Structures are given as structure tokens and as C-alpha cells.
Amino acid sequence: MTHPHVCRHTYCSNMAKAGMNPKALQYLMGHSDIGVTLNVYTHLGLIDAKEEMNRIAKLA
């Protein structure tokens, strides 16, 4: 069974991946500590890291 709280993790991860300002995301999530937003609720995977590396490579 999936708990509805998973939606908060999904929302936070998707907004971070879309490039939302981390402080704005912290505010929208209602977290007093940015660490909770970034380290607990934001989940990015290998594909996300690869996309970011490709983006950086294009800047060089």
C-alpha cells in the first residue's frame, strides 16, 4: 500500500528537477530547515545526474 505522504516526496522531487528555487520549494513544503527539503524530500536518480552532467558538458 502506498501512503499518501509519498505525494509530498514526488512533488518535491519533481519541482526540484524542474529547477524550482530551493528556498521557494522549502517555503511551499512548509519546512523550517532547507536540509529537510533537500535531504529528506528531494529524490533524484542516476538518470537525473546523467542529464545534469550532459547539461554541464554543453557549457564547456
C-alpha atoms as a PDB file:
ATOM      1  CA  MET A   1       0.000   0.000   0.000  1.00  0.00           C
ATOM      2  CA  THR A   2       1.290   3.448  -0.902  1.00  0.00           C
ATOM      3  CA  HIS A   3       0.896   6.078   1.770  1.00  0.00           C
ATOM      4  CA  PRO A   4      -0.494   9.476   0.657  1.00  0.00           C
ATOM      5  CA  HIS A   5       2.591  11.103   2.204  1.00  0.00           C
ATOM      6  CA  VAL A   6       4.555   9.765  -0.790  1.00  0.00           C
ATOM      7  CA  CYS A   7       2.888  12.519  -2.833  1.00  0.00           C
ATOM      8  CA  ARG A   8       4.905  15.117  -0.912  1.00  0.00           C
ATOM      9  CA  HIS A   9       8.148  13.377  -1.871  1.00  0.00           C
ATOM     10  CA  THR A  10       7.054  13.120  -5.503  1.00  0.00           C
ATOM     11  CA  TYR A  11       6.012  16.785  -5.630  1.00  0.00           C
ATOM     12  CA  CYS A  12       9.253  17.965  -4.046  1.00  0.00           C
ATOM     13  CA  SER A  13      11.411  15.816  -6.319  1.00  0.00           C
ATOM     14  CA  ASN A  14       9.560  16.906  -9.453  1.00  0.00           C
ATOM     15  CA  MET A  15       9.746  20.596  -8.561  1.00  0.00           C
ATOM     16  CA  ALA A  16      13.468  20.348  -7.791  1.00  0.00           C
ATOM     17  CA  LYS A  17      14.077  18.553 -11.084  1.00  0.00           C
ATOM     18  CA  ALA A  18      12.110  21.271 -12.902  1.00  0.00           C
ATOM     19  CA  GLY A  19      14.510  23.856 -11.487  1.00  0.00           C
ATOM     20  CA  MET A  20      12.400  25.466  -8.779  1.00  0.00           C
ATOM     21  CA  ASN A  21      14.335  27.724  -6.421  1.00  0.00           C
ATOM     22  CA  PRO A  22      15.179  25.561  -3.376  1.00  0.00           C
ATOM     23  CA  LYS A  23      14.154  28.296  -0.921  1.00  0.00           C
ATOM     24  CA  ALA A  24      10.777  28.670  -2.653  1.00  0.00           C
ATOM     25  CA  LEU A  25      10.332  24.908  -2.518  1.00  0.00           C
ATOM     26  CA  GLN A  26      11.226  24.917   1.183  1.00  0.00           C
ATOM     27  CA  TYR A  27       8.547  27.560   1.779  1.00  0.00           C
ATOM     28  CA  LEU A  28       5.900  25.698  -0.220  1.00  0.00           C
ATOM     29  CA  MET A  29       6.671  22.455   1.604  1.00  0.00           C
ATOM     30  CA  GLY A  30       6.378  24.235   4.961  1.00  0.00           C
ATOM     31  CA  HIS A  31       9.852  23.253   6.163  1.00  0.00           C
ATOM     32  CA  SER A  32      11.755  25.480   8.579  1.00  0.00           C
ATOM     33  CA  ASP A  33      15.047  23.796   7.611  1.00  0.00           C
ATOM     34  CA  ILE A  34      16.238  23.636   3.982  1.00  0.00           C
ATOM     35  CA  GLY A  35      18.030  20.397   4.857  1.00  0.00           C
ATOM     36  CA  VAL A  36      14.703  18.626   5.309  1.00  0.00           C
ATOM     37  CA  THR A  37      13.571  19.777   1.876  1.00  0.00           C
ATOM     38  CA  LEU A  38      16.788  18.818   0.114  1.00  0.00           C
ATOM     39  CA  ASN A  39      17.903  15.744   2.053  1.00  0.00           C
ATOM     40  CA  VAL A  40      14.631  14.071   3.033  1.00  0.00           C
ATOM     41  CA  TYR A  41      12.037  15.009   0.411  1.00  0.00           C
ATOM     42  CA  THR A  42      14.074  15.503  -2.779  1.00  0.00           C
ATOM     43  CA  HIS A  43      14.986  12.272  -4.546  1.00  0.00           C
ATOM     44  CA  LEU A  44      16.969  12.369  -7.772  1.00  0.00           C
ATOM     45  CA  GLY A  45      18.340   9.332  -9.519  1.00  0.00           C
ATOM     46  CA  LEU A  46      21.090   8.253 -11.866  1.00  0.00           C
ATOM     47  CA  ILE A  47      19.221   9.477 -14.946  1.00  0.00           C
ATOM     48  CA  ASP A  48      18.863  12.909 -13.342  1.00  0.00           C
ATOM     49  CA  ALA A  49      22.589  13.023 -12.590  1.00  0.00           C
ATOM     50  CA  LYS A  50      23.421  11.975 -16.157  1.00  0.00           C
ATOM     51  CA  GLU A  51      21.171  14.695 -17.591  1.00  0.00           C
ATOM     52  CA  GLU A  52      22.866  17.275 -15.380  1.00  0.00           C
ATOM     53  CA  MET A  53      26.328  16.134 -16.462  1.00  0.00           C
ATOM     54  CA  ASN A  54      25.269  16.400 -20.113  1.00  0.00           C
ATOM     55  CA  ARG A  55      23.956  19.912 -19.468  1.00  0.00           C
ATOM     56  CA  ILE A  56      27.247  20.944 -17.862  1.00  0.00           C
ATOM     57  CA  ALA A  57      29.256  19.415 -20.719  1.00  0.00           C
ATOM     58  CA  LYS A  58      27.386  21.621 -23.196  1.00  0.00           C
ATOM     59  CA  LEU A  59      28.537  24.718 -21.280  1.00  0.00           C
ATOM     60  CA  ALA A  60      32.225  23.880 -21.760  1.00  0.00           C
END
